Amino acid sequence: MLQSPPSEKHLSRMYYELSQQGAHCSGEKFPWPYSLKDPEEIFTLGAEMSRYDPRLLGILVEHLCHSWEIFSPQKIRSFYPKMKTPQTVAVIAEFGKSASEDSEARYFMDYLQRGLKPVPTQLYFKNIYRPGGKLSERAMESSLTQYKKWGFLAREFPTLDVFKKKVIGQMDQDSRLNILRRLLKENESIQLKDYLLAIRHSVTRQQALKDLKSAATLSKKSHGRGACWSLR
């Protein structure tokens, strides 16, 4: 399947191939070392390439959500033995299940995941974080549940609608509290809106307030919507 880390031109060619299937992206038909025969093979190669390009991951999630009926799940699964990490498909399907309201689509995505086991813990994206850098640390401390379920660490939210800037993804309590503790250490005090912005509004205001109550103390100087919170 994937022969080597994709170049910019190879990624552009993948965008082009996906656009021919109706995906919301555009690219150019640059030469590349792959001879792909069907949509399923393009999709699985794209899944492996997505570890080098967060934008491609979002394109694949959106494409699967909107066009899952063009794919044969058996054909997609037939390429798993050729993939180094077929769990990339499982991650895409996990985001798809979070976004889709169609029960048949969710059954389809469940089938793509059947029989796959999580990989040993590792960063999802390759060559985009500096080893030991802040972005790498943030990925480890605040990973989304869709990556974590399959052994990966990453904090990038796929974009489901580029025009409405709609993103999908959830954080478990551990990831949210890691972000909250960092905010409280970096700032003398914060407001609820600061915390919600940091976690991309991935939980309700009520849940965010519960998080604050568990990790911080309310400043006596303010209450209500303008309440300020500081580290215990």
Protein backbone atom coordinates (compact mmCIF):
# COMPACT_ATOMS: atom_id res chain seq x y z
CA MET A 1 0.00 0.00 0.00
CA LEU A 2 1.80 3.20 1.13
CA GLN A 3 5.36 2.97 -0.20
CA SER A 4 6.94 5.97 1.55
CA PRO A 5 5.95 9.24 3.27
CA PRO A 6 3.88 11.19 0.73
CA SER A 7 5.31 14.28 -0.93
CA GLU A 8 3.24 17.43 -1.43
CA LYS A 9 2.58 16.33 -5.00
CA HIS A 10 1.46 12.87 -3.90
CA LEU A 11 -0.95 14.45 -1.42
CA SER A 12 -2.27 16.75 -4.14
CA ARG A 13 -2.80 13.71 -6.36
CA MET A 14 -4.73 12.02 -3.53
CA TYR A 15 -6.95 15.11 -3.23
CA TYR A 16 -7.52 14.92 -6.98
CA GLU A 17 -8.46 11.22 -6.84
CA LEU A 18 -10.86 11.80 -3.96
CA SER A 19 -12.42 14.77 -5.74
CA GLN A 20 -13.20 12.45 -8.67
CA GLN A 21 -15.27 10.42 -6.22
CA GLY A 22 -17.16 13.52 -5.10
CA ALA A 23 -15.12 14.48 -2.04
CA HIS A 24 -15.03 18.19 -1.18
CA CYS A 25 -11.43 18.88 -2.13
CA SER A 26 -9.31 19.66 -5.16
CA GLY A 27 -5.85 18.66 -6.29
CA GLU A 28 -3.75 18.05 -9.35
CA LYS A 29 -3.09 14.87 -11.27
CA PHE A 30 0.63 14.71 -10.57
CA PRO A 31 2.51 11.50 -11.38
CA TRP A 32 2.83 9.04 -8.48
CA PRO A 33 3.96 5.43 -8.01
CA TYR A 34 0.49 3.97 -7.45
CA SER A 35 -1.86 2.25 -9.86
CA LEU A 36 -5.26 2.36 -8.20
CA LYS A 37 -8.26 0.60 -9.66
CA ASP A 38 -11.24 1.34 -7.44
CA PRO A 39 -12.59 3.79 -4.82
CA GLU A 40 -11.84 1.42 -1.95
CA GLU A 41 -8.13 1.24 -2.80
CA ILE A 42 -7.92 5.03 -3.07
CA PHE A 43 -9.66 5.39 0.28
CA THR A 44 -7.37 2.96 2.11
CA LEU A 45 -4.24 4.53 0.63
CA GLY A 46 -5.63 7.90 1.69
CA ALA A 47 -6.12 6.56 5.21
CA GLU A 48 -2.44 5.67 5.43
CA MET A 49 -1.43 9.03 3.95
CA SER A 50 -3.61 10.83 6.49
CA ARG A 51 -0.95 10.21 9.14
CA TYR A 52 1.11 12.86 7.34
CA ASP A 53 -1.66 15.40 6.72
CA PRO A 54 -4.41 16.42 9.19
CA ARG A 55 -6.37 18.09 6.39
CA LEU A 56 -6.53 14.81 4.49
CA LEU A 57 -7.93 13.09 7.56
CA GLY A 58 -10.78 15.60 7.64
CA ILE A 59 -11.45 15.11 3.92
CA LEU A 60 -11.68 11.34 4.39
CA VAL A 61 -13.99 11.61 7.40
CA GLU A 62 -16.34 13.96 5.55
CA HIS A 63 -16.20 11.80 2.42
CA LEU A 64 -17.03 8.64 4.36
CA CYS A 65 -19.92 10.35 6.14
CA HIS A 66 -21.47 11.70 2.95
CA SER A 67 -20.59 9.01 0.40
CA TRP A 68 -20.26 5.73 2.32
CA GLU A 69 -22.71 4.00 -0.03
CA ILE A 70 -20.24 4.14 -2.95
CA PHE A 71 -17.87 1.84 -1.08
CA SER A 72 -17.89 -1.91 -0.61
CA PRO A 73 -16.86 -2.55 3.02
CA GLN A 74 -15.56 -5.99 2.05
CA LYS A 75 -13.26 -4.42 -0.54
CA ILE A 76 -11.98 -1.87 1.95
CA ARG A 77 -11.22 -4.66 4.42
CA SER A 78 -9.50 -6.69 1.70
CA PHE A 79 -6.69 -4.11 1.69
CA TYR A 80 -6.02 -4.33 5.43
CA PRO A 81 -3.32 -7.01 5.07
CA LYS A 82 -1.40 -4.64 2.76
CA MET A 83 -1.58 -1.73 5.18
CA LYS A 84 0.94 -1.04 7.94
CA THR A 85 -1.78 0.41 10.17
CA PRO A 86 -5.32 -0.44 9.03
CA GLN A 87 -6.36 1.13 12.32
CA THR A 88 -6.23 4.44 10.44
CA VAL A 89 -9.46 3.34 8.76
CA ALA A 90 -10.88 2.57 12.21
CA VAL A 91 -10.05 6.11 13.36
CA ILE A 92 -11.74 7.64 10.31
CA ALA A 93 -14.78 5.42 10.94
CA GLU A 94 -14.79 6.43 14.63
CA PHE A 95 -15.04 10.10 13.70
CA GLY A 96 -17.65 9.17 11.11
CA LYS A 97 -19.81 7.44 13.70
CA SER A 98 -19.62 10.56 15.88
CA ALA A 99 -20.84 12.73 13.03
CA SER A 100 -23.41 10.54 11.28
CA GLU A 101 -27.07 10.34 12.26
CA ASP A 102 -27.72 7.52 9.78
CA SER A 103 -27.89 4.17 11.59
CA GLU A 104 -27.01 2.24 8.41
CA ALA A 105 -23.90 4.38 7.96
CA ARG A 106 -22.86 3.64 11.54
CA TYR A 107 -23.37 -0.11 10.96
CA PHE A 108 -21.15 0.22 7.88
CA MET A 109 -18.44 1.95 9.90
CA ASP A 110 -18.72 -0.62 12.69
CA TYR A 111 -18.00 -3.33 10.15
CA LEU A 112 -14.87 -1.52 8.96
CA GLN A 113 -13.58 -1.69 12.55
CA ARG A 114 -14.42 -5.33 13.27
CA GLY A 115 -11.44 -7.50 14.17
CA LEU A 116 -9.00 -4.60 14.45
CA LYS A 117 -7.13 -4.06 17.71
CA PRO A 118 -5.62 -0.80 18.99
CA VAL A 119 -2.00 -0.17 18.04
CA PRO A 120 0.66 0.24 20.73
CA THR A 121 0.35 3.82 22.00
CA GLN A 122 1.82 6.24 19.45
CA LEU A 123 1.26 9.64 17.85
CA TYR A 124 -1.21 9.50 14.97
CA PHE A 125 0.45 12.16 12.87
CA LYS A 126 3.99 11.71 11.65
CA ASN A 127 6.57 14.36 10.81
CA ILE A 128 4.41 17.28 11.93
CA TYR A 129 5.50 17.54 15.57
CA ARG A 130 9.02 18.29 16.71
CA PRO A 131 10.13 15.45 19.04
CA GLY A 132 9.80 16.65 22.61
CA GLY A 133 8.22 19.92 21.47
CA LYS A 134 5.14 21.63 22.85
CA LEU A 135 2.84 20.37 20.11
CA SER A 136 3.94 16.81 20.76
CA GLU A 137 3.33 17.26 24.48
CA ARG A 138 -0.10 18.76 23.84
CA ALA A 139 -1.03 15.81 21.62
CA MET A 140 -0.16 13.42 24.43
CA GLU A 141 -1.96 15.34 27.16
CA SER A 142 -5.16 16.26 25.32
CA SER A 143 -5.88 13.57 22.74
CA LEU A 144 -9.37 13.11 21.36
CA THR A 145 -11.24 9.94 22.28
CA GLN A 146 -11.55 8.88 18.62
CA TYR A 147 -7.76 8.57 18.37
CA LYS A 148 -7.28 7.13 21.84
CA LYS A 149 -9.71 4.26 21.26
CA TRP A 150 -7.37 2.87 18.60
CA GLY A 151 -4.08 3.50 20.40
CA PHE A 152 -3.21 6.83 18.81
CA LEU A 153 -2.54 10.25 20.31
CA ALA A 154 -3.60 13.45 18.53
CA ARG A 155 -5.59 16.58 19.29
CA GLU A 156 -6.54 17.67 15.75
CA PHE A 157 -10.30 17.96 15.18
CA PRO A 158 -11.33 16.91 11.66
CA THR A 159 -13.39 19.54 9.87
CA LEU A 160 -16.70 18.16 8.64
CA ASP A 161 -17.86 21.34 6.90
CA VAL A 162 -15.14 23.75 5.77
CA PHE A 163 -17.69 26.48 5.00
CA LYS A 164 -19.40 26.36 8.39
CA LYS A 165 -16.10 25.47 10.10
CA LYS A 166 -17.83 22.56 11.82
CA VAL A 167 -15.41 20.25 13.60
CA ILE A 168 -16.04 16.89 15.23
CA GLY A 169 -14.34 15.03 18.04
CA GLN A 170 -14.59 14.53 21.77
CA MET A 171 -12.18 14.62 24.69
CA ASP A 172 -12.44 12.30 27.66
CA GLN A 173 -12.25 13.72 31.17
CA ASP A 174 -8.51 13.06 31.51
CA SER A 175 -7.72 15.07 28.38
CA ARG A 176 -10.04 17.91 29.36
CA LEU A 177 -8.61 18.18 32.86
CA ASN A 178 -5.06 18.17 31.48
CA ILE A 179 -5.99 21.20 29.38
CA LEU A 180 -7.74 22.85 32.32
CA ARG A 181 -4.76 22.38 34.64
CA ARG A 182 -2.43 23.85 32.03
CA LEU A 183 -4.71 26.88 31.58
CA LEU A 184 -4.82 27.45 35.32
CA LYS A 185 -1.04 27.19 35.62
CA GLU A 186 -0.47 29.61 32.74
CA ASN A 187 -3.05 32.17 33.91
CA GLU A 188 -3.76 33.69 37.32
CA SER A 189 -7.46 33.03 36.72
CA ILE A 190 -9.76 31.99 33.88
CA GLN A 191 -13.44 32.21 33.01
CA LEU A 192 -15.70 29.40 31.82
CA LYS A 193 -15.57 30.79 28.28
CA ASP A 194 -11.76 30.46 28.27
CA TYR A 195 -11.99 26.78 29.13
CA LEU A 196 -14.72 26.10 26.56
CA LEU A 197 -12.63 27.80 23.88
CA ALA A 198 -9.57 25.72 24.82
CA ILE A 199 -11.51 22.46 24.46
CA ARG A 200 -13.22 23.66 21.25
CA HIS A 201 -16.67 23.55 22.90
CA SER A 202 -16.49 19.75 22.84
CA VAL A 203 -18.72 19.45 25.93
CA THR A 204 -21.76 21.32 27.24
CA ARG A 205 -21.44 24.37 29.49
CA GLN A 206 -22.85 22.26 32.32
CA GLN A 207 -20.12 19.62 31.93
CA ALA A 208 -17.45 22.29 31.60
CA LEU A 209 -18.66 23.85 34.85
CA LYS A 210 -18.38 20.45 36.56
CA ASP A 211 -14.81 20.17 35.29
CA LEU A 212 -13.97 23.58 36.72
CA LYS A 213 -15.48 22.71 40.08
CA SER A 214 -13.39 19.53 40.26
CA ALA A 215 -10.04 21.19 39.49
CA ALA A 216 -10.30 24.85 40.46
CA THR A 217 -11.71 27.19 43.05
CA LEU A 218 -14.14 30.05 42.41
CA SER A 219 -12.75 33.52 42.94
CA LYS A 220 -14.71 35.45 45.54
CA LYS A 221 -14.41 38.60 43.44
CA SER A 222 -16.93 37.50 40.84
CA HIS A 223 -19.88 35.18 40.39
CA GLY A 224 -22.38 34.10 37.73
CA ARG A 225 -21.36 34.15 34.06
CA GLY A 226 -18.41 36.40 34.80
CA ALA A 227 -17.04 34.14 37.54
CA CYS A 228 -13.29 33.66 37.59
CA TRP A 229 -11.57 30.43 38.52
CA SER A 230 -8.07 29.83 39.84
CA LEU A 231 -5.93 26.81 40.71
CA ARG A 232 -6.75 25.16 44.03
